[in-house]
Amino acid sequence: MDVCMNCGLCAEYCPFDAIKMDQNFELSNYERHQTHIYCLQDLLVSSEFYARTHPEAWNSADEVAERNKVAKKKDQRLQKALAATAKPAAASKAAPKPVSVQQS
């Protein structure tokens, strides 16, 4: 934080949405070295904060999570249905009877 030049390299190399910028300027002051050492708990922000500041991105993330949940349930139901149909099909397939060949 003390040596940030606003080059944007951190945003380029970090995973998508790993860095979230906000409008909180309470951390700024004129002295750089003593007071700019923060513990992680001082820098963390609740997820509701991002829901208020970026509502479109928050809603789309919720929609994607909901779609994934629905798709997972649908896949589980499909797997159960396939397993249920596979058992009777396997039971009905008895060993084939030997074919008798007549010699003339």
C-alpha atoms as a PDB file:
ATOM      1  CA  MET A   1       0.000   0.000   0.000  1.00  0.00           C
ATOM      2  CA  ASP A   2       2.829   2.405   0.728  1.00  0.00           C
ATOM      3  CA  VAL A   3       4.533   1.934  -2.613  1.00  0.00           C
ATOM      4  CA  CYS A   4       1.483   1.798  -4.897  1.00  0.00           C
ATOM      5  CA  MET A   5       2.098   3.706  -8.117  1.00  0.00           C
ATOM      6  CA  ASN A   6      -1.350   2.899  -9.568  1.00  0.00           C
ATOM      7  CA  CYS A   7       0.286   0.893 -12.348  1.00  0.00           C
ATOM      8  CA  GLY A   8      -2.466  -1.762 -12.349  1.00  0.00           C
ATOM      9  CA  LEU A   9      -0.100  -4.763 -12.414  1.00  0.00           C
ATOM     10  CA  CYS A  10      -1.715  -6.234  -9.319  1.00  0.00           C
ATOM     11  CA  ALA A  11      -5.082  -6.230 -11.070  1.00  0.00           C
ATOM     12  CA  GLU A  12      -3.532  -7.893 -14.121  1.00  0.00           C
ATOM     13  CA  TYR A  13      -1.848 -10.769 -12.289  1.00  0.00           C
ATOM     14  CA  CYS A  14      -4.300 -11.440  -9.452  1.00  0.00           C
ATOM     15  CA  PRO A  15      -7.338 -13.678 -10.024  1.00  0.00           C
ATOM     16  CA  PHE A  16     -10.479 -11.986 -11.265  1.00  0.00           C
ATOM     17  CA  ASP A  17     -12.338 -10.169  -8.475  1.00  0.00           C
ATOM     18  CA  ALA A  18      -9.505 -10.789  -5.999  1.00  0.00           C
ATOM     19  CA  ILE A  19      -8.916  -7.049  -5.658  1.00  0.00           C
ATOM     20  CA  LYS A  20     -11.933  -4.880  -5.037  1.00  0.00           C
ATOM     21  CA  MET A  21     -11.543  -1.143  -4.931  1.00  0.00           C
ATOM     22  CA  ASP A  22     -13.883   0.997  -2.882  1.00  0.00           C
ATOM     23  CA  GLN A  23     -14.432   4.641  -2.036  1.00  0.00           C
ATOM     24  CA  ASN A  24     -13.112   4.396   1.515  1.00  0.00           C
ATOM     25  CA  PHE A  25     -10.468   7.103   1.938  1.00  0.00           C
ATOM     26  CA  GLU A  26     -10.344   6.932   5.728  1.00  0.00           C
ATOM     27  CA  LEU A  27      -7.048   5.076   5.462  1.00  0.00           C
ATOM     28  CA  SER A  28      -5.257   8.022   3.852  1.00  0.00           C
ATOM     29  CA  ASN A  29      -2.935  10.315   5.788  1.00  0.00           C
ATOM     30  CA  TYR A  30       0.251  12.253   5.243  1.00  0.00           C
ATOM     31  CA  GLU A  31       2.615   9.930   7.080  1.00  0.00           C
ATOM     32  CA  ARG A  32       3.525   6.831   5.060  1.00  0.00           C
ATOM     33  CA  HIS A  33       5.664   4.517   7.129  1.00  0.00           C
ATOM     34  CA  GLN A  34       4.332   4.191  10.677  1.00  0.00           C
ATOM     35  CA  THR A  35       0.575   4.438  10.294  1.00  0.00           C
ATOM     36  CA  HIS A  36       0.182   2.502   7.040  1.00  0.00           C
ATOM     37  CA  ILE A  37       0.757  -0.879   8.613  1.00  0.00           C
ATOM     38  CA  TYR A  38      -2.635  -2.561   8.926  1.00  0.00           C
ATOM     39  CA  CYS A  39      -3.668  -5.967  10.101  1.00  0.00           C
ATOM     40  CA  LEU A  40      -5.961  -8.023   7.890  1.00  0.00           C
ATOM     41  CA  GLN A  41      -9.018  -7.415  10.075  1.00  0.00           C
ATOM     42  CA  ASP A  42      -8.689  -3.650   9.534  1.00  0.00           C
ATOM     43  CA  LEU A  43      -8.746  -4.088   5.756  1.00  0.00           C
ATOM     44  CA  LEU A  44     -11.572  -6.613   5.419  1.00  0.00           C
ATOM     45  CA  VAL A  45     -14.987  -5.384   4.324  1.00  0.00           C
ATOM     46  CA  SER A  46     -18.272  -7.279   4.584  1.00  0.00           C
ATOM     47  CA  SER A  47     -19.853  -8.750   1.480  1.00  0.00           C
ATOM     48  CA  GLU A  48     -22.917  -6.547   2.048  1.00  0.00           C
ATOM     49  CA  PHE A  49     -20.658  -3.561   1.394  1.00  0.00           C
ATOM     50  CA  TYR A  50     -19.994  -4.790  -2.147  1.00  0.00           C
ATOM     51  CA  ALA A  51     -23.679  -5.532  -2.617  1.00  0.00           C
ATOM     52  CA  ARG A  52     -24.380  -1.851  -1.941  1.00  0.00           C
ATOM     53  CA  THR A  53     -21.498  -0.411  -3.980  1.00  0.00           C
ATOM     54  CA  HIS A  54     -21.712  -2.768  -6.987  1.00  0.00           C
ATOM     55  CA  PRO A  55     -25.326  -4.003  -7.162  1.00  0.00           C
ATOM     56  CA  GLU A  56     -25.201  -5.209 -10.787  1.00  0.00           C
ATOM     57  CA  ALA A  57     -22.101  -7.336 -10.251  1.00  0.00           C
ATOM     58  CA  TRP A  58     -23.512  -8.634  -6.968  1.00  0.00           C
ATOM     59  CA  ASN A  59     -26.833  -9.596  -8.571  1.00  0.00           C
ATOM     60  CA  SER A  60     -25.153 -11.330 -11.493  1.00  0.00           C
ATOM     61  CA  ALA A  61     -22.956 -13.317  -9.094  1.00  0.00           C
ATOM     62  CA  ASP A  62     -26.058 -14.366  -7.151  1.00  0.00           C
ATOM     63  CA  GLU A  63     -27.801 -15.374 -10.377  1.00  0.00           C
ATOM     64  CA  VAL A  64     -24.827 -17.471 -11.471  1.00  0.00           C
ATOM     65  CA  ALA A  65     -24.700 -19.201  -8.084  1.00  0.00           C
ATOM     66  CA  GLU A  66     -28.440 -19.912  -8.246  1.00  0.00           C
ATOM     67  CA  ARG A  67     -28.153 -21.293 -11.797  1.00  0.00           C
ATOM     68  CA  ASN A  68     -25.271 -23.529 -10.724  1.00  0.00           C
ATOM     69  CA  LYS A  69     -27.308 -24.817  -7.783  1.00  0.00           C
ATOM     70  CA  VAL A  70     -30.289 -25.596 -10.035  1.00  0.00           C
ATOM     71  CA  ALA A  71     -28.042 -27.301 -12.598  1.00  0.00           C
ATOM     72  CA  LYS A  72     -26.448 -29.422  -9.873  1.00  0.00           C
ATOM     73  CA  LYS A  73     -29.855 -30.560  -8.591  1.00  0.00           C
ATOM     74  CA  LYS A  74     -30.962 -31.346 -12.138  1.00  0.00           C
ATOM     75  CA  ASP A  75     -27.786 -33.365 -12.717  1.00  0.00           C
ATOM     76  CA  GLN A  76     -28.349 -35.315  -9.494  1.00  0.00           C
ATOM     77  CA  ARG A  77     -31.924 -36.148 -10.528  1.00  0.00           C
ATOM     78  CA  LEU A  78     -30.681 -37.248 -13.952  1.00  0.00           C
ATOM     79  CA  GLN A  79     -28.038 -39.488 -12.368  1.00  0.00           C
ATOM     80  CA  LYS A  80     -30.675 -41.086 -10.121  1.00  0.00           C
ATOM     81  CA  ALA A  81     -32.978 -41.661 -13.090  1.00  0.00           C
ATOM     82  CA  LEU A  82     -30.170 -43.223 -15.112  1.00  0.00           C
ATOM     83  CA  ALA A  83     -29.220 -45.463 -12.197  1.00  0.00           C
ATOM     84  CA  ALA A  84     -32.847 -46.543 -11.770  1.00  0.00           C
ATOM     85  CA  THR A  85     -33.220 -47.428 -15.463  1.00  0.00           C
ATOM     86  CA  ALA A  86     -29.856 -49.171 -15.599  1.00  0.00           C
ATOM     87  CA  LYS A  87     -30.754 -51.695 -12.866  1.00  0.00           C
ATOM     88  CA  PRO A  88     -33.851 -53.160 -14.599  1.00  0.00           C
ATOM     89  CA  ALA A  89     -32.064 -53.197 -17.946  1.00  0.00           C
ATOM     90  CA  ALA A  90     -29.166 -55.124 -16.443  1.00  0.00           C
ATOM     91  CA  ALA A  91     -31.547 -57.577 -14.777  1.00  0.00           C
ATOM     92  CA  SER A  92     -33.461 -58.204 -18.002  1.00  0.00           C
ATOM     93  CA  LYS A  93     -30.276 -58.968 -19.887  1.00  0.00           C
ATOM     94  CA  ALA A  94     -29.837 -62.614 -18.985  1.00  0.00           C
ATOM     95  CA  ALA A  95     -26.986 -64.625 -20.336  1.00  0.00           C
ATOM     96  CA  PRO A  96     -27.645 -65.430 -23.987  1.00  0.00           C
ATOM     97  CA  LYS A  97     -28.663 -68.976 -24.748  1.00  0.00           C
ATOM     98  CA  PRO A  98     -26.223 -70.975 -26.813  1.00  0.00           C
ATOM     99  CA  VAL A  99     -27.095 -71.235 -30.461  1.00  0.00           C
ATOM    100  CA  SER A 100     -27.472 -74.775 -31.731  1.00  0.00           C
ATOM    101  CA  VAL A 101     -25.936 -75.375 -35.107  1.00  0.00           C
ATOM    102  CA  GLN A 102     -27.341 -78.191 -37.215  1.00  0.00           C
ATOM    103  CA  GLN A 103     -24.937 -80.027 -39.418  1.00  0.00           C
ATOM    104  CA  SER A 104     -26.179 -81.553 -42.618  1.00  0.00           C
END
